[in-house]
Amino acid sequence: MRGLGALIVCVVGGLAVAGCTKTFHGKAIQPNPLAKPTETLRSSEKITIVRGDMELEAPDQAAPSQRASVLHNHRYPLLNQASFTVVSRDRLRFHVQIDHKWQEWADLTTWNVTLTDDAGRHWTPESTEHARTKIMTTMWDREQQTAQRNRFGDIVALNDDGWKNRQSLGSLSVFRGKADFVFYERDLFHANVRWLKLVVSRSGEAFEFIWAFQDQIASE
């Protein structure tokens, strides 16, 4: 969402353990889309919760000036996102994305979705639309090169001799699921709503996306 003046957005990823369920949290602070409809769009800020998986690692990219670098892996980022569009005061459409190493878990039709507001009202989706899942594969070239070391034993250069010992390509695949969740009720959303919380959950894991509406930040 973009309005007149500065807009402050805070995205926080966290982890809480309650029983056997891991809950990840994300939050955005923005003006209420209906508070000043002539100054703001009817689409919310996108909240992104980045998490990793101990089984998913990829090598660091080489520096722009390097053809190759010493192997060092990092945790592959799984991007879990949500935003919403105000279709009308009676209807909200939430756009959700889940990344996972398992196709079933990336399928958003297998998750439970609920919506609550600051008044304690609670909704479940009227419908789930445009659900789709795709596989994303990342591949990289691996070479075993001879290192050049200084008198202290530090690596200072790599010889361009990877052709002497050919290595197979490295690869990593994850699944990305997307879907729209539509909520409907008479006067579901209005200018006085202070926050909305969307919870996307299944056995063992949950994501909480919170939009806090503070109109004064538009002029800060």
C-alpha atoms as a PDB file:
ATOM      1  CA  MET A   1       0.000   0.000   0.000  1.00  0.00           C
ATOM      2  CA  ARG A   2       1.245   3.479  -0.743  1.00  0.00           C
ATOM      3  CA  GLY A   3      -0.281   6.658   0.651  1.00  0.00           C
ATOM      4  CA  LEU A   4       0.681  10.304   0.940  1.00  0.00           C
ATOM      5  CA  GLY A   5       3.697  10.745   3.162  1.00  0.00           C
ATOM      6  CA  ALA A   6       6.025   8.147   4.620  1.00  0.00           C
ATOM      7  CA  LEU A   7       4.822   4.635   5.237  1.00  0.00           C
ATOM      8  CA  ILE A   8       6.536   2.539   7.879  1.00  0.00           C
ATOM      9  CA  VAL A   9       6.529  -1.214   7.416  1.00  0.00           C
ATOM     10  CA  CYS A  10       7.929  -3.623   9.953  1.00  0.00           C
ATOM     11  CA  VAL A  11       8.385  -7.289   9.052  1.00  0.00           C
ATOM     12  CA  VAL A  12       9.427  -9.572  11.874  1.00  0.00           C
ATOM     13  CA  GLY A  13      10.047 -13.310  11.740  1.00  0.00           C
ATOM     14  CA  GLY A  14       9.938 -15.179  15.017  1.00  0.00           C
ATOM     15  CA  LEU A  15       9.486 -18.633  16.444  1.00  0.00           C
ATOM     16  CA  ALA A  16       7.382 -19.740  19.372  1.00  0.00           C
ATOM     17  CA  VAL A  17       6.887 -23.275  20.565  1.00  0.00           C
ATOM     18  CA  ALA A  18       3.532 -24.234  22.028  1.00  0.00           C
ATOM     19  CA  GLY A  19       3.296 -27.974  22.510  1.00  0.00           C
ATOM     20  CA  CYS A  20       4.489 -29.486  19.242  1.00  0.00           C
ATOM     21  CA  THR A  21       3.490 -26.577  16.999  1.00  0.00           C
ATOM     22  CA  LYS A  22       6.028 -24.070  15.674  1.00  0.00           C
ATOM     23  CA  THR A  23       4.495 -20.646  15.046  1.00  0.00           C
ATOM     24  CA  PHE A  24       6.220 -18.048  12.874  1.00  0.00           C
ATOM     25  CA  HIS A  25       5.145 -14.404  13.133  1.00  0.00           C
ATOM     26  CA  GLY A  26       5.186 -11.477  10.701  1.00  0.00           C
ATOM     27  CA  LYS A  27       3.790  -7.972  11.129  1.00  0.00           C
ATOM     28  CA  ALA A  28       3.219  -4.875   8.992  1.00  0.00           C
ATOM     29  CA  ILE A  29       2.232  -1.403  10.209  1.00  0.00           C
ATOM     30  CA  GLN A  30       0.286   0.685   7.721  1.00  0.00           C
ATOM     31  CA  PRO A  31      -2.727   2.996   7.343  1.00  0.00           C
ATOM     32  CA  ASN A  32      -6.179   1.437   7.251  1.00  0.00           C
ATOM     33  CA  PRO A  33      -7.091   1.092   3.537  1.00  0.00           C
ATOM     34  CA  LEU A  34     -10.545   2.559   4.175  1.00  0.00           C
ATOM     35  CA  ALA A  35      -9.528   5.366   6.561  1.00  0.00           C
ATOM     36  CA  LYS A  36      -8.561   7.707   3.691  1.00  0.00           C
ATOM     37  CA  PRO A  37      -9.678   5.934   0.524  1.00  0.00           C
ATOM     38  CA  THR A  38      -8.604   8.838  -1.717  1.00  0.00           C
ATOM     39  CA  GLU A  39      -4.999   8.640  -0.442  1.00  0.00           C
ATOM     40  CA  THR A  40      -4.300   4.920  -0.139  1.00  0.00           C
ATOM     41  CA  LEU A  41      -4.656   1.862  -2.331  1.00  0.00           C
ATOM     42  CA  ARG A  42      -6.972  -0.993  -1.464  1.00  0.00           C
ATOM     43  CA  SER A  43      -4.088  -3.489  -1.363  1.00  0.00           C
ATOM     44  CA  SER A  44      -2.148  -4.121   1.844  1.00  0.00           C
ATOM     45  CA  GLU A  45       1.570  -4.326   2.422  1.00  0.00           C
ATOM     46  CA  LYS A  46       3.036  -7.776   1.749  1.00  0.00           C
ATOM     47  CA  ILE A  47       4.363  -9.549   4.842  1.00  0.00           C
ATOM     48  CA  THR A  48       7.269 -11.937   4.291  1.00  0.00           C
ATOM     49  CA  ILE A  49       8.360 -14.524   6.846  1.00  0.00           C
ATOM     50  CA  VAL A  50      11.704 -16.097   5.913  1.00  0.00           C
ATOM     51  CA  ARG A  51      12.511 -19.454   7.420  1.00  0.00           C
ATOM     52  CA  GLY A  52      15.006 -22.205   6.688  1.00  0.00           C
ATOM     53  CA  ASP A  53      15.289 -25.959   6.797  1.00  0.00           C
ATOM     54  CA  MET A  54      18.343 -27.787   8.062  1.00  0.00           C
ATOM     55  CA  GLU A  55      18.166 -30.131   5.060  1.00  0.00           C
ATOM     56  CA  LEU A  56      18.135 -27.315   2.497  1.00  0.00           C
ATOM     57  CA  GLU A  57      21.492 -25.665   1.846  1.00  0.00           C
ATOM     58  CA  ALA A  58      22.986 -23.962  -1.189  1.00  0.00           C
ATOM     59  CA  PRO A  59      26.513 -22.627  -1.820  1.00  0.00           C
ATOM     60  CA  ASP A  60      27.302 -18.924  -1.524  1.00  0.00           C
ATOM     61  CA  GLN A  61      27.616 -16.994  -4.765  1.00  0.00           C
ATOM     62  CA  ALA A  62      31.107 -16.095  -5.910  1.00  0.00           C
ATOM     63  CA  ALA A  63      32.079 -12.420  -5.765  1.00  0.00           C
ATOM     64  CA  PRO A  64      31.535 -10.493  -9.047  1.00  0.00           C
ATOM     65  CA  SER A  65      35.281 -10.416  -9.636  1.00  0.00           C
ATOM     66  CA  GLN A  66      35.638 -14.173  -9.087  1.00  0.00           C
ATOM     67  CA  ARG A  67      34.923 -17.072 -11.396  1.00  0.00           C
ATOM     68  CA  ALA A  68      34.664 -19.413  -8.409  1.00  0.00           C
ATOM     69  CA  SER A  69      34.933 -19.349  -4.624  1.00  0.00           C
ATOM     70  CA  VAL A  70      35.722 -21.720  -1.798  1.00  0.00           C
ATOM     71  CA  LEU A  71      32.664 -23.793  -0.952  1.00  0.00           C
ATOM     72  CA  HIS A  72      30.568 -22.359   1.872  1.00  0.00           C
ATOM     73  CA  ASN A  73      26.911 -23.265   2.215  1.00  0.00           C
ATOM     74  CA  HIS A  74      24.070 -21.115   3.546  1.00  0.00           C
ATOM     75  CA  ARG A  75      20.558 -22.036   4.612  1.00  0.00           C
ATOM     76  CA  TYR A  76      18.242 -21.802   1.615  1.00  0.00           C
ATOM     77  CA  PRO A  77      15.544 -19.165   2.314  1.00  0.00           C
ATOM     78  CA  LEU A  78      11.925 -20.323   2.254  1.00  0.00           C
ATOM     79  CA  LEU A  79       9.666 -17.329   1.551  1.00  0.00           C
ATOM     80  CA  ASN A  80       6.224 -17.380   3.164  1.00  0.00           C
ATOM     81  CA  GLN A  81       4.106 -14.375   2.272  1.00  0.00           C
ATOM     82  CA  ALA A  82       0.649 -12.878   2.651  1.00  0.00           C
ATOM     83  CA  SER A  83      -1.148  -9.711   1.574  1.00  0.00           C
ATOM     84  CA  PHE A  84      -4.778  -8.774   1.097  1.00  0.00           C
ATOM     85  CA  THR A  85      -6.997  -6.735  -1.210  1.00  0.00           C
ATOM     86  CA  VAL A  86     -10.133  -4.921  -0.074  1.00  0.00           C
ATOM     87  CA  VAL A  87     -12.689  -6.006  -2.656  1.00  0.00           C
ATOM     88  CA  SER A  88     -15.438  -4.219  -0.710  1.00  0.00           C
ATOM     89  CA  ARG A  89     -16.417  -3.541   2.905  1.00  0.00           C
ATOM     90  CA  ASP A  90     -17.983  -7.008   2.876  1.00  0.00           C
ATOM     91  CA  ARG A  91     -15.245  -8.975   1.129  1.00  0.00           C
ATOM     92  CA  LEU A  92     -11.479  -9.390   1.609  1.00  0.00           C
ATOM     93  CA  ARG A  93      -9.173 -11.453  -0.595  1.00  0.00           C
ATOM     94  CA  PHE A  94      -5.923 -12.730   0.945  1.00  0.00           C
ATOM     95  CA  HIS A  95      -3.037 -13.784  -1.296  1.00  0.00           C
ATOM     96  CA  VAL A  96      -0.857 -16.408   0.424  1.00  0.00           C
ATOM     97  CA  GLN A  97       2.399 -18.118  -0.539  1.00  0.00           C
ATOM     98  CA  ILE A  98       4.089 -21.038   1.237  1.00  0.00           C
ATOM     99  CA  ASP A  99       7.518 -22.511   0.360  1.00  0.00           C
ATOM    100  CA  HIS A 100       8.358 -26.032   1.541  1.00  0.00           C
ATOM    101  CA  LYS A 101      10.574 -28.988   0.688  1.00  0.00           C
ATOM    102  CA  TRP A 102       7.498 -31.264   0.557  1.00  0.00           C
ATOM    103  CA  GLN A 103       4.879 -30.835  -2.154  1.00  0.00           C
ATOM    104  CA  GLU A 104       1.994 -31.745   0.145  1.00  0.00           C
ATOM    105  CA  TRP A 105       2.952 -29.019   2.615  1.00  0.00           C
ATOM    106  CA  ALA A 106       3.276 -26.436  -0.152  1.00  0.00           C
ATOM    107  CA  ASP A 107      -0.293 -27.237  -1.249  1.00  0.00           C
ATOM    108  CA  LEU A 108      -2.325 -24.518   0.488  1.00  0.00           C
ATOM    109  CA  THR A 109      -5.534 -26.532   0.216  1.00  0.00           C
ATOM    110  CA  THR A 110      -4.084 -28.753   2.973  1.00  0.00           C
ATOM    111  CA  TRP A 111      -3.765 -25.820   5.431  1.00  0.00           C
ATOM    112  CA  ASN A 112      -6.341 -24.335   7.804  1.00  0.00           C
ATOM    113  CA  VAL A 113      -6.874 -20.585   7.417  1.00  0.00           C
ATOM    114  CA  THR A 114      -8.624 -18.226   9.853  1.00  0.00           C
ATOM    115  CA  LEU A 115      -9.011 -14.454  10.155  1.00  0.00           C
ATOM    116  CA  THR A 116      -9.589 -12.384  13.317  1.00  0.00           C
ATOM    117  CA  ASP A 117      -9.743  -8.658  14.094  1.00  0.00           C
ATOM    118  CA  ASP A 118      -9.257  -6.446  17.151  1.00  0.00           C
ATOM    119  CA  ALA A 119     -12.939  -6.749  18.061  1.00  0.00           C
ATOM    120  CA  GLY A 120     -12.584 -10.513  18.462  1.00  0.00           C
ATOM    121  CA  ARG A 121     -14.561 -11.360  15.345  1.00  0.00           C
ATOM    122  CA  HIS A 122     -13.522 -14.626  13.707  1.00  0.00           C
ATOM    123  CA  TRP A 123     -13.932 -15.897  10.155  1.00  0.00           C
ATOM    124  CA  THR A 124     -13.079 -18.878   7.996  1.00  0.00           C
ATOM    125  CA  PRO A 125     -12.720 -18.524   4.202  1.00  0.00           C
ATOM    126  CA  GLU A 126     -15.838 -18.433   2.084  1.00  0.00           C
ATOM    127  CA  SER A 127     -13.781 -19.920  -0.737  1.00  0.00           C
ATOM    128  CA  THR A 128     -10.246 -20.901  -1.770  1.00  0.00           C
ATOM    129  CA  GLU A 129      -9.325 -19.823  -5.294  1.00  0.00           C
ATOM    130  CA  HIS A 130      -6.423 -20.112  -7.755  1.00  0.00           C
ATOM    131  CA  ALA A 131      -4.586 -22.735  -5.677  1.00  0.00           C
ATOM    132  CA  ARG A 132      -1.481 -23.992  -7.468  1.00  0.00           C
ATOM    133  CA  THR A 133       1.843 -25.580  -6.592  1.00  0.00           C
ATOM    134  CA  LYS A 134       5.066 -25.546  -8.599  1.00  0.00           C
ATOM    135  CA  ILE A 135       8.527 -26.981  -8.158  1.00  0.00           C
ATOM    136  CA  MET A 136      11.546 -24.648  -8.195  1.00  0.00           C
ATOM    137  CA  THR A 137      14.970 -26.142  -8.915  1.00  0.00           C
ATOM    138  CA  THR A 138      18.293 -24.385  -8.397  1.00  0.00           C
ATOM    139  CA  MET A 139      21.434 -25.860  -9.966  1.00  0.00           C
ATOM    140  CA  TRP A 140      25.089 -24.926  -9.650  1.00  0.00           C
ATOM    141  CA  ASP A 141      28.405 -26.019 -11.079  1.00  0.00           C
ATOM    142  CA  ARG A 142      30.923 -27.652  -8.765  1.00  0.00           C
ATOM    143  CA  GLU A 143      34.645 -27.914  -9.404  1.00  0.00           C
ATOM    144  CA  GLN A 144      37.492 -29.397  -7.407  1.00  0.00           C
ATOM    145  CA  GLN A 145      40.352 -26.956  -7.864  1.00  0.00           C
ATOM    146  CA  THR A 146      43.846 -26.854  -6.436  1.00  0.00           C
ATOM    147  CA  ALA A 147      44.367 -24.142  -3.829  1.00  0.00           C
ATOM    148  CA  GLN A 148      47.356 -21.820  -3.615  1.00  0.00           C
ATOM    149  CA  ARG A 149      48.370 -21.042  -0.043  1.00  0.00           C
ATOM    150  CA  ASN A 150      50.679 -18.504   1.539  1.00  0.00           C
ATOM    151  CA  ARG A 151      53.315 -19.353   4.144  1.00  0.00           C
ATOM    152  CA  PHE A 152      50.672 -19.171   6.878  1.00  0.00           C
ATOM    153  CA  GLY A 153      48.509 -21.820   5.206  1.00  0.00           C
ATOM    154  CA  ASP A 154      45.770 -19.405   4.114  1.00  0.00           C
ATOM    155  CA  ILE A 155      44.184 -19.893   0.681  1.00  0.00           C
ATOM    156  CA  VAL A 156      45.142 -16.936  -1.519  1.00  0.00           C
ATOM    157  CA  ALA A 157      44.113 -18.196  -4.971  1.00  0.00           C
ATOM    158  CA  LEU A 158      42.582 -21.137  -6.830  1.00  0.00           C
ATOM    159  CA  ASN A 159      44.118 -22.771  -9.880  1.00  0.00           C
ATOM    160  CA  ASP A 160      41.873 -23.055 -12.939  1.00  0.00           C
ATOM    161  CA  ASP A 161      42.249 -26.838 -13.061  1.00  0.00           C
ATOM    162  CA  GLY A 162      38.757 -28.071 -12.282  1.00  0.00           C
ATOM    163  CA  TRP A 163      38.751 -29.999 -15.537  1.00  0.00           C
ATOM    164  CA  LYS A 164      41.178 -32.510 -14.006  1.00  0.00           C
ATOM    165  CA  ASN A 165      38.539 -33.947 -11.658  1.00  0.00           C
ATOM    166  CA  ARG A 166      35.031 -33.414 -13.009  1.00  0.00           C
ATOM    167  CA  GLN A 167      32.189 -33.103 -10.485  1.00  0.00           C
ATOM    168  CA  SER A 168      28.446 -33.563 -10.918  1.00  0.00           C
ATOM    169  CA  LEU A 169      26.164 -30.515 -10.863  1.00  0.00           C
ATOM    170  CA  GLY A 170      24.695 -29.585  -7.503  1.00  0.00           C
ATOM    171  CA  SER A 171      20.945 -29.052  -7.243  1.00  0.00           C
ATOM    172  CA  LEU A 172      18.189 -28.198  -4.783  1.00  0.00           C
ATOM    173  CA  SER A 173      14.416 -28.348  -5.300  1.00  0.00           C
ATOM    174  CA  VAL A 174      11.624 -26.805  -3.246  1.00  0.00           C
ATOM    175  CA  PHE A 175       7.902 -26.402  -3.806  1.00  0.00           C
ATOM    176  CA  ARG A 176       6.035 -23.095  -3.846  1.00  0.00           C
ATOM    177  CA  GLY A 177       2.308 -23.025  -3.213  1.00  0.00           C
ATOM    178  CA  LYS A 178       0.005 -20.067  -3.803  1.00  0.00           C
ATOM    179  CA  ALA A 179      -3.709 -19.523  -3.238  1.00  0.00           C
ATOM    180  CA  ASP A 180      -6.299 -16.798  -2.629  1.00  0.00           C
ATOM    181  CA  PHE A 181      -8.557 -17.032   0.417  1.00  0.00           C
ATOM    182  CA  VAL A 182     -11.777 -15.027   0.219  1.00  0.00           C
ATOM    183  CA  PHE A 183     -13.624 -13.895   3.372  1.00  0.00           C
ATOM    184  CA  TYR A 184     -17.156 -12.523   3.262  1.00  0.00           C
ATOM    185  CA  GLU A 185     -19.521 -10.991   5.804  1.00  0.00           C
ATOM    186  CA  ARG A 186     -21.641  -7.867   5.901  1.00  0.00           C
ATOM    187  CA  ASP A 187     -19.421  -4.963   7.074  1.00  0.00           C
ATOM    188  CA  LEU A 188     -16.466  -7.308   7.557  1.00  0.00           C
ATOM    189  CA  PHE A 189     -13.986  -4.441   7.156  1.00  0.00           C
ATOM    190  CA  HIS A 190     -14.316  -0.720   7.930  1.00  0.00           C
ATOM    191  CA  ALA A 191     -12.213   2.338   8.732  1.00  0.00           C
ATOM    192  CA  ASN A 192     -12.214   1.679  12.498  1.00  0.00           C
ATOM    193  CA  VAL A 193     -10.610  -1.767  12.362  1.00  0.00           C
ATOM    194  CA  ARG A 194      -7.300  -1.512  14.242  1.00  0.00           C
ATOM    195  CA  TRP A 195      -5.710  -4.804  13.178  1.00  0.00           C
ATOM    196  CA  LEU A 196      -6.264  -8.029  11.255  1.00  0.00           C
ATOM    197  CA  LYS A 197      -4.573 -11.364  11.903  1.00  0.00           C
ATOM    198  CA  LEU A 198      -4.435 -14.153   9.349  1.00  0.00           C
ATOM    199  CA  VAL A 199      -3.394 -17.571  10.673  1.00  0.00           C
ATOM    200  CA  VAL A 200      -2.318 -20.263   8.207  1.00  0.00           C
ATOM    201  CA  SER A 201      -1.760 -23.544  10.041  1.00  0.00           C
ATOM    202  CA  ARG A 202      -1.554 -27.301   9.872  1.00  0.00           C
ATOM    203  CA  SER A 203      -0.354 -29.994  12.248  1.00  0.00           C
ATOM    204  CA  GLY A 204       3.005 -28.948  13.676  1.00  0.00           C
ATOM    205  CA  GLU A 205       3.402 -25.559  11.988  1.00  0.00           C
ATOM    206  CA  ALA A 206       1.636 -22.198  11.782  1.00  0.00           C
ATOM    207  CA  PHE A 207       2.183 -18.740  10.302  1.00  0.00           C
ATOM    208  CA  GLU A 208       0.638 -15.606  11.816  1.00  0.00           C
ATOM    209  CA  PHE A 209       0.422 -12.518   9.606  1.00  0.00           C
ATOM    210  CA  ILE A 210      -0.688  -9.327  11.388  1.00  0.00           C
ATOM    211  CA  TRP A 211      -1.570  -5.969   9.827  1.00  0.00           C
ATOM    212  CA  ALA A 212      -1.698  -3.155  12.408  1.00  0.00           C
ATOM    213  CA  PHE A 213      -3.445  -0.007  11.179  1.00  0.00           C
ATOM    214  CA  GLN A 214      -2.017   3.298  12.374  1.00  0.00           C
ATOM    215  CA  ASP A 215      -3.147   6.236  10.261  1.00  0.00           C
ATOM    216  CA  GLN A 216      -0.734   8.727  11.823  1.00  0.00           C
ATOM    217  CA  ILE A 217       2.305   7.047  10.250  1.00  0.00           C
ATOM    218  CA  ALA A 218       1.269   8.366   6.842  1.00  0.00           C
ATOM    219  CA  SER A 219       2.355  11.872   7.875  1.00  0.00           C
ATOM    220  CA  GLU A 220       5.548  10.963   9.760  1.00  0.00           C
END
